Amino acid sequence: MNRSEICSWVEPVYEKRSAMLGSGWRALADAIILQAADDYRRLTRRLIKHPDELEKASEKRRIERFLCSTWFGVLCELDGHRLLRDLKSDLGGMEGVQ
């Protein structure tokens, strides 16, 4: 993919984000992110006690992918990779957290 193709794809993403500012969409975007973080913490704690729950492990990986996705970047200006590292660090004192 060349630079012009990347730019033509990225520009609409940022237009969507700017259109969300100052609207009810901003509150919805914030709620989505907060729920993802809460779910990630809950699933991590659950998987420490029940590591054989494959469905929960799959859901945790889905949240990790979301936090590192372009869609996450549309919803907010946070660095999703850093947020994921911070979540893991916060849970790091718990045995079995990866």
PDB file of N, CA and C in Angstrom:
ATOM      1  N   MET A   1       0.854  -1.174   0.000  1.00  0.00           N
ATOM      2  CA  MET A   1       0.000   0.000   0.000  1.00  0.00           C
ATOM      3  C   MET A   1       0.898   1.234   0.000  1.00  0.00           C
ATOM      4  N   ASN A   2       0.668   2.153  -0.927  1.00  0.00           N
ATOM      5  CA  ASN A   2       1.501   3.350  -0.971  1.00  0.00           C
ATOM      6  C   ASN A   2       0.934   4.451  -0.073  1.00  0.00           C
ATOM      7  N   ARG A   3       1.715   5.520   0.069  1.00  0.00           N
ATOM      8  CA  ARG A   3       1.364   6.599   0.995  1.00  0.00           C
ATOM      9  C   ARG A   3       0.017   7.240   0.666  1.00  0.00           C
ATOM     10  N   SER A   4      -0.265   7.470  -0.608  1.00  0.00           N
ATOM     11  CA  SER A   4      -1.537   8.117  -0.977  1.00  0.00           C
ATOM     12  C   SER A   4      -2.729   7.224  -0.639  1.00  0.00           C
ATOM     13  N   GLU A   5      -2.563   5.905  -0.797  1.00  0.00           N
ATOM     14  CA  GLU A   5      -3.646   4.984  -0.427  1.00  0.00           C
ATOM     15  C   GLU A   5      -3.880   5.001   1.074  1.00  0.00           C
ATOM     16  N   ILE A   6      -2.797   5.052   1.844  1.00  0.00           N
ATOM     17  CA  ILE A   6      -2.919   5.096   3.306  1.00  0.00           C
ATOM     18  C   ILE A   6      -3.601   6.394   3.725  1.00  0.00           C
ATOM     19  N   CYS A   7      -3.151   7.519   3.180  1.00  0.00           N
ATOM     20  CA  CYS A   7      -3.728   8.813   3.545  1.00  0.00           C
ATOM     21  C   CYS A   7      -5.213   8.888   3.185  1.00  0.00           C
ATOM     22  N   SER A   8      -5.582   8.342   2.037  1.00  0.00           N
ATOM     23  CA  SER A   8      -6.985   8.397   1.636  1.00  0.00           C
ATOM     24  C   SER A   8      -7.853   7.548   2.553  1.00  0.00           C
ATOM     25  N   TRP A   9      -7.263   6.557   3.167  1.00  0.00           N
ATOM     26  CA  TRP A   9      -8.014   5.700   4.090  1.00  0.00           C
ATOM     27  C   TRP A   9      -8.062   6.302   5.483  1.00  0.00           C
ATOM     28  N   VAL A  10      -6.970   6.934   5.924  1.00  0.00           N
ATOM     29  CA  VAL A  10      -6.877   7.469   7.284  1.00  0.00           C
ATOM     30  C   VAL A  10      -7.676   8.755   7.448  1.00  0.00           C
ATOM     31  N   GLU A  11      -7.700   9.614   6.444  1.00  0.00           N
ATOM     32  CA  GLU A  11      -8.391  10.895   6.565  1.00  0.00           C
ATOM     33  C   GLU A  11      -9.861  10.742   6.967  1.00  0.00           C
ATOM     34  N   PRO A  12     -10.639   9.842   6.349  1.00  0.00           N
ATOM     35  CA  PRO A  12     -12.032   9.698   6.793  1.00  0.00           C
ATOM     36  C   PRO A  12     -12.161   9.261   8.250  1.00  0.00           C
ATOM     37  N   VAL A  13     -11.182   8.511   8.747  1.00  0.00           N
ATOM     38  CA  VAL A  13     -11.205   8.081  10.146  1.00  0.00           C
ATOM     39  C   VAL A  13     -11.163   9.299  11.056  1.00  0.00           C
ATOM     40  N   TYR A  14     -10.273  10.230  10.773  1.00  0.00           N
ATOM     41  CA  TYR A  14     -10.151  11.401  11.623  1.00  0.00           C
ATOM     42  C   TYR A  14     -11.316  12.362  11.433  1.00  0.00           C
ATOM     43  N   GLU A  15     -11.915  12.370  10.260  1.00  0.00           N
ATOM     44  CA  GLU A  15     -13.118  13.174  10.047  1.00  0.00           C
ATOM     45  C   GLU A  15     -14.249  12.645  10.917  1.00  0.00           C
ATOM     46  N   LYS A  16     -14.351  11.335  11.035  1.00  0.00           N
ATOM     47  CA  LYS A  16     -15.390  10.748  11.877  1.00  0.00           C
ATOM     48  C   LYS A  16     -15.176  11.142  13.336  1.00  0.00           C
ATOM     49  N   ARG A  17     -13.911  11.099  13.786  1.00  0.00           N
ATOM     50  CA  ARG A  17     -13.629  11.458  15.173  1.00  0.00           C
ATOM     51  C   ARG A  17     -13.993  12.911  15.433  1.00  0.00           C
ATOM     52  N   SER A  18     -13.621  13.809  14.540  1.00  0.00           N
ATOM     53  CA  SER A  18     -13.910  15.223  14.760  1.00  0.00           C
ATOM     54  C   SER A  18     -15.419  15.482  14.739  1.00  0.00           C
ATOM     55  N   ALA A  19     -16.158  14.719  13.961  1.00  0.00           N
ATOM     56  CA  ALA A  19     -17.616  14.879  13.927  1.00  0.00           C
ATOM     57  C   ALA A  19     -18.252  14.427  15.236  1.00  0.00           C
ATOM     58  N   MET A  20     -17.576  13.541  15.975  1.00  0.00           N
ATOM     59  CA  MET A  20     -18.124  13.031  17.226  1.00  0.00           C
ATOM     60  C   MET A  20     -17.955  14.014  18.378  1.00  0.00           C
ATOM     61  N   LEU A  21     -16.957  14.889  18.287  1.00  0.00           N
ATOM     62  CA  LEU A  21     -16.677  15.805  19.389  1.00  0.00           C
ATOM     63  C   LEU A  21     -17.874  16.705  19.657  1.00  0.00           C
ATOM     64  N   GLY A  22     -18.175  16.913  20.924  1.00  0.00           N
ATOM     65  CA  GLY A  22     -19.244  17.811  21.296  1.00  0.00           C
ATOM     66  C   GLY A  22     -20.638  17.259  21.080  1.00  0.00           C
ATOM     67  N   SER A  23     -20.757  15.965  20.934  1.00  0.00           N
ATOM     68  CA  SER A  23     -22.075  15.383  20.701  1.00  0.00           C
ATOM     69  C   SER A  23     -22.302  14.218  21.663  1.00  0.00           C
ATOM     70  N   GLY A  24     -23.483  13.669  21.603  1.00  0.00           N
ATOM     71  CA  GLY A  24     -23.775  12.490  22.420  1.00  0.00           C
ATOM     72  C   GLY A  24     -22.908  11.312  22.033  1.00  0.00           C
ATOM     73  N   TRP A  25     -22.362  11.350  20.814  1.00  0.00           N
ATOM     74  CA  TRP A  25     -21.483  10.283  20.365  1.00  0.00           C
ATOM     75  C   TRP A  25     -20.223  10.218  21.213  1.00  0.00           C
ATOM     76  N   ARG A  26     -19.774  11.356  21.715  1.00  0.00           N
ATOM     77  CA  ARG A  26     -18.567  11.397  22.550  1.00  0.00           C
ATOM     78  C   ARG A  26     -18.803  10.586  23.832  1.00  0.00           C
ATOM     79  N   ALA A  27     -19.962  10.787  24.442  1.00  0.00           N
ATOM     80  CA  ALA A  27     -20.287  10.052  25.664  1.00  0.00           C
ATOM     81  C   ALA A  27     -20.391   8.553  25.379  1.00  0.00           C
ATOM     82  N   LEU A  28     -20.961   8.205  24.234  1.00  0.00           N
ATOM     83  CA  LEU A  28     -21.070   6.799  23.857  1.00  0.00           C
ATOM     84  C   LEU A  28     -19.681   6.190  23.639  1.00  0.00           C
ATOM     85  N   ALA A  29     -18.820   6.908  22.936  1.00  0.00           N
ATOM     86  CA  ALA A  29     -17.458   6.420  22.690  1.00  0.00           C
ATOM     87  C   ALA A  29     -16.719   6.212  24.009  1.00  0.00           C
ATOM     88  N   ASP A  30     -16.848   7.169  24.932  1.00  0.00           N
ATOM     89  CA  ASP A  30     -16.202   7.040  26.239  1.00  0.00           C
ATOM     90  C   ASP A  30     -16.738   5.822  26.995  1.00  0.00           C
ATOM     91  N   ALA A  31     -18.042   5.613  26.923  1.00  0.00           N
ATOM     92  CA  ALA A  31     -18.655   4.470  27.612  1.00  0.00           C
ATOM     93  C   ALA A  31     -18.162   3.145  27.024  1.00  0.00           C
ATOM     94  N   ILE A  32     -17.979   3.076  25.718  1.00  0.00           N
ATOM     95  CA  ILE A  32     -17.483   1.864  25.075  1.00  0.00           C
ATOM     96  C   ILE A  32     -16.080   1.540  25.587  1.00  0.00           C
ATOM     97  N   ILE A  33     -15.236   2.554  25.667  1.00  0.00           N
ATOM     98  CA  ILE A  33     -13.854   2.354  26.102  1.00  0.00           C
ATOM     99  C   ILE A  33     -13.797   1.965  27.574  1.00  0.00           C
ATOM    100  N   LEU A  34     -14.561   2.644  28.400  1.00  0.00           N
ATOM    101  CA  LEU A  34     -14.589   2.307  29.830  1.00  0.00           C
ATOM    102  C   LEU A  34     -15.098   0.883  30.050  1.00  0.00           C
ATOM    103  N   GLN A  35     -16.117   0.485  29.290  1.00  0.00           N
ATOM    104  CA  GLN A  35     -16.649  -0.874  29.420  1.00  0.00           C
ATOM    105  C   GLN A  35     -15.614  -1.900  28.996  1.00  0.00           C
ATOM    106  N   ALA A  36     -14.888  -1.611  27.925  1.00  0.00           N
ATOM    107  CA  ALA A  36     -13.845  -2.532  27.461  1.00  0.00           C
ATOM    108  C   ALA A  36     -12.776  -2.714  28.539  1.00  0.00           C
ATOM    109  N   ALA A  37     -12.367  -1.616  29.185  1.00  0.00           N
ATOM    110  CA  ALA A  37     -11.353  -1.703  30.244  1.00  0.00           C
ATOM    111  C   ALA A  37     -11.891  -2.495  31.439  1.00  0.00           C
ATOM    112  N   ASP A  38     -13.127  -2.220  31.836  1.00  0.00           N
ATOM    113  CA  ASP A  38     -13.734  -2.964  32.947  1.00  0.00           C
ATOM    114  C   ASP A  38     -13.855  -4.450  32.614  1.00  0.00           C
ATOM    115  N   ASP A  39     -14.300  -4.755  31.402  1.00  0.00           N
ATOM    116  CA  ASP A  39     -14.429  -6.150  30.983  1.00  0.00           C
ATOM    117  C   ASP A  39     -13.074  -6.846  30.959  1.00  0.00           C
ATOM    118  N   TYR A  40     -12.051  -6.139  30.500  1.00  0.00           N
ATOM    119  CA  TYR A  40     -10.710  -6.723  30.446  1.00  0.00           C
ATOM    120  C   TYR A  40     -10.229  -7.094  31.855  1.00  0.00           C
ATOM    121  N   ARG A  41     -10.426  -6.179  32.801  1.00  0.00           N
ATOM    122  CA  ARG A  41     -10.035  -6.467  34.192  1.00  0.00           C
ATOM    123  C   ARG A  41     -10.810  -7.673  34.737  1.00  0.00           C
ATOM    124  N   ARG A  42     -12.113  -7.672  34.515  1.00  0.00           N
ATOM    125  CA  ARG A  42     -12.963  -8.754  35.018  1.00  0.00           C
ATOM    126  C   ARG A  42     -12.557 -10.095  34.413  1.00  0.00           C
ATOM    127  N   LEU A  43     -12.340 -10.115  33.109  1.00  0.00           N
ATOM    128  CA  LEU A  43     -11.966 -11.364  32.441  1.00  0.00           C
ATOM    129  C   LEU A  43     -10.599 -11.862  32.902  1.00  0.00           C
ATOM    130  N   THR A  44      -9.669 -10.943  33.098  1.00  0.00           N
ATOM    131  CA  THR A  44      -8.335 -11.341  33.562  1.00  0.00           C
ATOM    132  C   THR A  44      -8.431 -12.000  34.931  1.00  0.00           C
ATOM    133  N   ARG A  45      -9.184 -11.388  35.824  1.00  0.00           N
ATOM    134  CA  ARG A  45      -9.352 -11.979  37.169  1.00  0.00           C
ATOM    135  C   ARG A  45     -10.034 -13.341  37.080  1.00  0.00           C
ATOM    136  N   ARG A  46     -11.030 -13.436  36.228  1.00  0.00           N
ATOM    137  CA  ARG A  46     -11.758 -14.703  36.070  1.00  0.00           C
ATOM    138  C   ARG A  46     -10.843 -15.799  35.524  1.00  0.00           C
ATOM    139  N   LEU A  47     -10.008 -15.449  34.562  1.00  0.00           N
ATOM    140  CA  LEU A  47      -9.132 -16.442  33.941  1.00  0.00           C
ATOM    141  C   LEU A  47      -8.019 -16.909  34.872  1.00  0.00           C
ATOM    142  N   ILE A  48      -7.677 -16.085  35.836  1.00  0.00           N
ATOM    143  CA  ILE A  48      -6.682 -16.530  36.829  1.00  0.00           C
ATOM    144  C   ILE A  48      -7.271 -17.677  37.652  1.00  0.00           C
ATOM    145  N   LYS A  49      -8.541 -17.552  38.005  1.00  0.00           N
ATOM    146  CA  LYS A  49      -9.203 -18.594  38.804  1.00  0.00           C
ATOM    147  C   LYS A  49      -9.652 -19.778  37.960  1.00  0.00           C
ATOM    148  N   HIS A  50     -10.003 -19.509  36.691  1.00  0.00           N
ATOM    149  CA  HIS A  50     -10.534 -20.551  35.805  1.00  0.00           C
ATOM    150  C   HIS A  50      -9.845 -20.472  34.438  1.00  0.00           C
ATOM    151  N   PRO A  51      -8.573 -20.864  34.360  1.00  0.00           N
ATOM    152  CA  PRO A  51      -7.819 -20.716  33.109  1.00  0.00           C
ATOM    153  C   PRO A  51      -8.322 -21.587  31.961  1.00  0.00           C
ATOM    154  N   ASP A  52      -9.178 -22.544  32.248  1.00  0.00           N
ATOM    155  CA  ASP A  52      -9.678 -23.447  31.211  1.00  0.00           C
ATOM    156  C   ASP A  52     -10.912 -22.906  30.471  1.00  0.00           C
ATOM    157  N   GLU A  53     -11.383 -21.735  30.830  1.00  0.00           N
ATOM    158  CA  GLU A  53     -12.568 -21.153  30.185  1.00  0.00           C
ATOM    159  C   GLU A  53     -12.161 -20.493  28.863  1.00  0.00           C
ATOM    160  N   LEU A  54     -12.223 -21.276  27.803  1.00  0.00           N
ATOM    161  CA  LEU A  54     -11.759 -20.829  26.497  1.00  0.00           C
ATOM    162  C   LEU A  54     -12.568 -19.656  25.952  1.00  0.00           C
ATOM    163  N   GLU A  55     -13.854 -19.638  26.226  1.00  0.00           N
ATOM    164  CA  GLU A  55     -14.701 -18.548  25.750  1.00  0.00           C
ATOM    165  C   GLU A  55     -14.280 -17.221  26.381  1.00  0.00           C
ATOM    166  N   LYS A  56     -13.947 -17.248  27.657  1.00  0.00           N
ATOM    167  CA  LYS A  56     -13.498 -16.033  28.352  1.00  0.00           C
ATOM    168  C   LYS A  56     -12.138 -15.596  27.822  1.00  0.00           C
ATOM    169  N   ALA A  57     -11.253 -16.543  27.548  1.00  0.00           N
ATOM    170  CA  ALA A  57      -9.941 -16.218  26.987  1.00  0.00           C
ATOM    171  C   ALA A  57     -10.103 -15.587  25.606  1.00  0.00           C
ATOM    172  N   SER A  58     -11.032 -16.102  24.828  1.00  0.00           N
ATOM    173  CA  SER A  58     -11.299 -15.550  23.500  1.00  0.00           C
ATOM    174  C   SER A  58     -11.836 -14.128  23.601  1.00  0.00           C
ATOM    175  N   GLU A  59     -12.716 -13.891  24.549  1.00  0.00           N
ATOM    176  CA  GLU A  59     -13.275 -12.554  24.749  1.00  0.00           C
ATOM    177  C   GLU A  59     -12.178 -11.575  25.172  1.00  0.00           C
ATOM    178  N   LYS A  60     -11.262 -12.029  26.023  1.00  0.00           N
ATOM    179  CA  LYS A  60     -10.146 -11.180  26.448  1.00  0.00           C
ATOM    180  C   LYS A  60      -9.264 -10.809  25.256  1.00  0.00           C
ATOM    181  N   ARG A  61      -8.978 -11.764  24.378  1.00  0.00           N
ATOM    182  CA  ARG A  61      -8.178 -11.484  23.179  1.00  0.00           C
ATOM    183  C   ARG A  61      -8.910 -10.516  22.242  1.00  0.00           C
ATOM    184  N   ARG A  62     -10.235 -10.635  22.171  1.00  0.00           N
ATOM    185  CA  ARG A  62     -11.028  -9.729  21.343  1.00  0.00           C
ATOM    186  C   ARG A  62     -10.894  -8.292  21.849  1.00  0.00           C
ATOM    187  N   ILE A  63     -10.907  -8.120  23.159  1.00  0.00           N
ATOM    188  CA  ILE A  63     -10.744  -6.779  23.737  1.00  0.00           C
ATOM    189  C   ILE A  63      -9.337  -6.255  23.464  1.00  0.00           C
ATOM    190  N   GLU A  64      -8.337  -7.125  23.569  1.00  0.00           N
ATOM    191  CA  GLU A  64      -6.970  -6.709  23.261  1.00  0.00           C
ATOM    192  C   GLU A  64      -6.858  -6.231  21.812  1.00  0.00           C
ATOM    193  N   ARG A  65      -7.491  -6.950  20.895  1.00  0.00           N
ATOM    194  CA  ARG A  65      -7.475  -6.535  19.484  1.00  0.00           C
ATOM    195  C   ARG A  65      -8.184  -5.195  19.308  1.00  0.00           C
ATOM    196  N   PHE A  66      -9.302  -5.012  19.995  1.00  0.00           N
ATOM    197  CA  PHE A  66     -10.037  -3.750  19.921  1.00  0.00           C
ATOM    198  C   PHE A  66      -9.171  -2.590  20.400  1.00  0.00           C
ATOM    199  N   LEU A  67      -8.492  -2.764  21.527  1.00  0.00           N
ATOM    200  CA  LEU A  67      -7.679  -1.682  22.086  1.00  0.00           C
ATOM    201  C   LEU A  67      -6.545  -1.277  21.150  1.00  0.00           C
ATOM    202  N   CYS A  68      -6.105  -2.190  20.316  1.00  0.00           N
ATOM    203  CA  CYS A  68      -4.996  -1.917  19.390  1.00  0.00           C
ATOM    204  C   CYS A  68      -5.488  -1.635  17.967  1.00  0.00           C
ATOM    205  N   SER A  69      -6.772  -1.427  17.810  1.00  0.00           N
ATOM    206  CA  SER A  69      -7.352  -1.283  16.471  1.00  0.00           C
ATOM    207  C   SER A  69      -7.477   0.180  16.031  1.00  0.00           C
ATOM    208  N   THR A  70      -7.697   0.355  14.749  1.00  0.00           N
ATOM    209  CA  THR A  70      -7.960   1.683  14.187  1.00  0.00           C
ATOM    210  C   THR A  70      -9.274   2.228  14.735  1.00  0.00           C
ATOM    211  N   TRP A  71     -10.239   1.359  14.916  1.00  0.00           N
ATOM    212  CA  TRP A  71     -11.538   1.782  15.451  1.00  0.00           C
ATOM    213  C   TRP A  71     -11.380   2.415  16.821  1.00  0.00           C
ATOM    214  N   PHE A  72     -10.515   1.858  17.665  1.00  0.00           N
ATOM    215  CA  PHE A  72     -10.242   2.455  18.979  1.00  0.00           C
ATOM    216  C   PHE A  72      -9.715   3.876  18.778  1.00  0.00           C
ATOM    217  N   GLY A  73      -8.826   4.053  17.783  1.00  0.00           N
ATOM    218  CA  GLY A  73      -8.288   5.377  17.493  1.00  0.00           C
ATOM    219  C   GLY A  73      -9.338   6.358  17.013  1.00  0.00           C
ATOM    220  N   VAL A  74     -10.391   5.860  16.400  1.00  0.00           N
ATOM    221  CA  VAL A  74     -11.491   6.724  15.983  1.00  0.00           C
ATOM    222  C   VAL A  74     -12.278   7.189  17.210  1.00  0.00           C
ATOM    223  N   LEU A  75     -12.440   6.298  18.165  1.00  0.00           N
ATOM    224  CA  LEU A  75     -13.258   6.604  19.334  1.00  0.00           C
ATOM    225  C   LEU A  75     -12.598   7.578  20.297  1.00  0.00           C
ATOM    226  N   CYS A  76     -11.269   7.581  20.348  1.00  0.00           N
ATOM    227  CA  CYS A  76     -10.589   8.458  21.299  1.00  0.00           C
ATOM    228  C   CYS A  76      -9.173   8.753  20.829  1.00  0.00           C
ATOM    229  N   GLU A  77      -8.510   9.608  21.561  1.00  0.00           N
ATOM    230  CA  GLU A  77      -7.149   9.975  21.218  1.00  0.00           C
ATOM    231  C   GLU A  77      -6.125   9.239  22.073  1.00  0.00           C
ATOM    232  N   LEU A  78      -6.569   8.285  22.850  1.00  0.00           N
ATOM    233  CA  LEU A  78      -5.647   7.507  23.670  1.00  0.00           C
ATOM    234  C   LEU A  78      -4.827   6.569  22.801  1.00  0.00           C
ATOM    235  N   ASP A  79      -3.691   6.181  23.317  1.00  0.00           N
ATOM    236  CA  ASP A  79      -2.866   5.154  22.680  1.00  0.00           C
ATOM    237  C   ASP A  79      -3.357   3.813  23.221  1.00  0.00           C
ATOM    238  N   GLY A  80      -4.015   3.052  22.378  1.00  0.00           N
ATOM    239  CA  GLY A  80      -4.586   1.778  22.815  1.00  0.00           C
ATOM    240  C   GLY A  80      -3.546   0.784  23.285  1.00  0.00           C
ATOM    241  N   HIS A  81      -2.378   0.782  22.639  1.00  0.00           N
ATOM    242  CA  HIS A  81      -1.306  -0.127  23.063  1.00  0.00           C
ATOM    243  C   HIS A  81      -0.840   0.237  24.477  1.00  0.00           C
ATOM    244  N   ARG A  82      -0.745   1.529  24.739  1.00  0.00           N
ATOM    245  CA  ARG A  82      -0.327   1.966  26.080  1.00  0.00           C
ATOM    246  C   ARG A  82      -1.403   1.633  27.112  1.00  0.00           C
ATOM    247  N   LEU A  83      -2.658   1.843  26.755  1.00  0.00           N
ATOM    248  CA  LEU A  83      -3.744   1.500  27.670  1.00  0.00           C
ATOM    249  C   LEU A  83      -3.695   0.015  28.013  1.00  0.00           C
ATOM    250  N   LEU A  84      -3.468  -0.824  27.020  1.00  0.00           N
ATOM    251  CA  LEU A  84      -3.378  -2.263  27.264  1.00  0.00           C
ATOM    252  C   LEU A  84      -2.199  -2.578  28.183  1.00  0.00           C
ATOM    253  N   ARG A  85      -1.052  -1.945  27.937  1.00  0.00           N
ATOM    254  CA  ARG A  85       0.107  -2.149  28.832  1.00  0.00           C
ATOM    255  C   ARG A  85      -0.225  -1.712  30.255  1.00  0.00           C
ATOM    256  N   ASP A  86      -0.915  -0.567  30.390  1.00  0.00           N
ATOM    257  CA  ASP A  86      -1.280  -0.075  31.722  1.00  0.00           C
ATOM    258  C   ASP A  86      -2.245  -1.018  32.423  1.00  0.00           C
ATOM    259  N   LEU A  87      -3.206  -1.542  31.695  1.00  0.00           N
ATOM    260  CA  LEU A  87      -4.146  -2.501  32.280  1.00  0.00           C
ATOM    261  C   LEU A  87      -3.398  -3.742  32.758  1.00  0.00           C
ATOM    262  N   LYS A  88      -2.496  -4.246  31.923  1.00  0.00           N
ATOM    263  CA  LYS A  88      -1.717  -5.424  32.307  1.00  0.00           C
ATOM    264  C   LYS A  88      -0.837  -5.119  33.510  1.00  0.00           C
ATOM    265  N   SER A  89      -0.269  -3.925  33.540  1.00  0.00           N
ATOM    266  CA  SER A  89       0.575  -3.526  34.661  1.00  0.00           C
ATOM    267  C   SER A  89      -0.237  -3.436  35.956  1.00  0.00           C
ATOM    268  N   ASP A  90      -1.423  -2.837  35.865  1.00  0.00           N
ATOM    269  CA  ASP A  90      -2.296  -2.732  37.040  1.00  0.00           C
ATOM    270  C   ASP A  90      -2.668  -4.103  37.578  1.00  0.00           C
ATOM    271  N   LEU A  91      -2.858  -5.043  36.675  1.00  0.00           N
ATOM    272  CA  LEU A  91      -3.235  -6.410  37.073  1.00  0.00           C
ATOM    273  C   LEU A  91      -2.019  -7.288  37.313  1.00  0.00           C
ATOM    274  N   GLY A  92      -0.827  -6.745  37.090  1.00  0.00           N
ATOM    275  CA  GLY A  92       0.407  -7.505  37.162  1.00  0.00           C
ATOM    276  C   GLY A  92       0.707  -8.135  38.504  1.00  0.00           C
ATOM    277  N   GLY A  93       0.163  -7.579  39.572  1.00  0.00           N
ATOM    278  CA  GLY A  93       0.380  -8.142  40.891  1.00  0.00           C
ATOM    279  C   GLY A  93      -0.392  -9.433  41.107  1.00  0.00           C
ATOM    280  N   MET A  94      -1.286  -9.723  40.187  1.00  0.00           N
ATOM    281  CA  MET A  94      -2.098 -10.937  40.303  1.00  0.00           C
ATOM    282  C   MET A  94      -1.358 -12.099  39.647  1.00  0.00           C
ATOM    283  N   GLU A  95      -1.323 -13.199  40.295  1.00  0.00           N
ATOM    284  CA  GLU A  95      -0.635 -14.377  39.776  1.00  0.00           C
ATOM    285  C   GLU A  95      -1.281 -14.838  38.468  1.00  0.00           C
ATOM    286  N   GLY A  96      -0.460 -15.103  37.466  1.00  0.00           N
ATOM    287  CA  GLY A  96      -0.961 -15.658  36.223  1.00  0.00           C
ATOM    288  C   GLY A  96      -1.315 -14.652  35.156  1.00  0.00           C
ATOM    289  N   VAL A  97      -1.157 -13.347  35.429  1.00  0.00           N
ATOM    290  CA  VAL A  97      -1.487 -12.333  34.423  1.00  0.00           C
ATOM    291  C   VAL A  97      -0.388 -12.312  33.374  1.00  0.00           C
ATOM    292  N   GLN A  98      -0.813 -12.304  32.109  1.00  0.00           N
ATOM    293  CA  GLN A  98       0.152 -12.264  31.004  1.00  0.00           C
ATOM    294  C   GLN A  98       0.047 -10.944  30.286  1.00  0.00           C
TER     295      GLN A  98
END
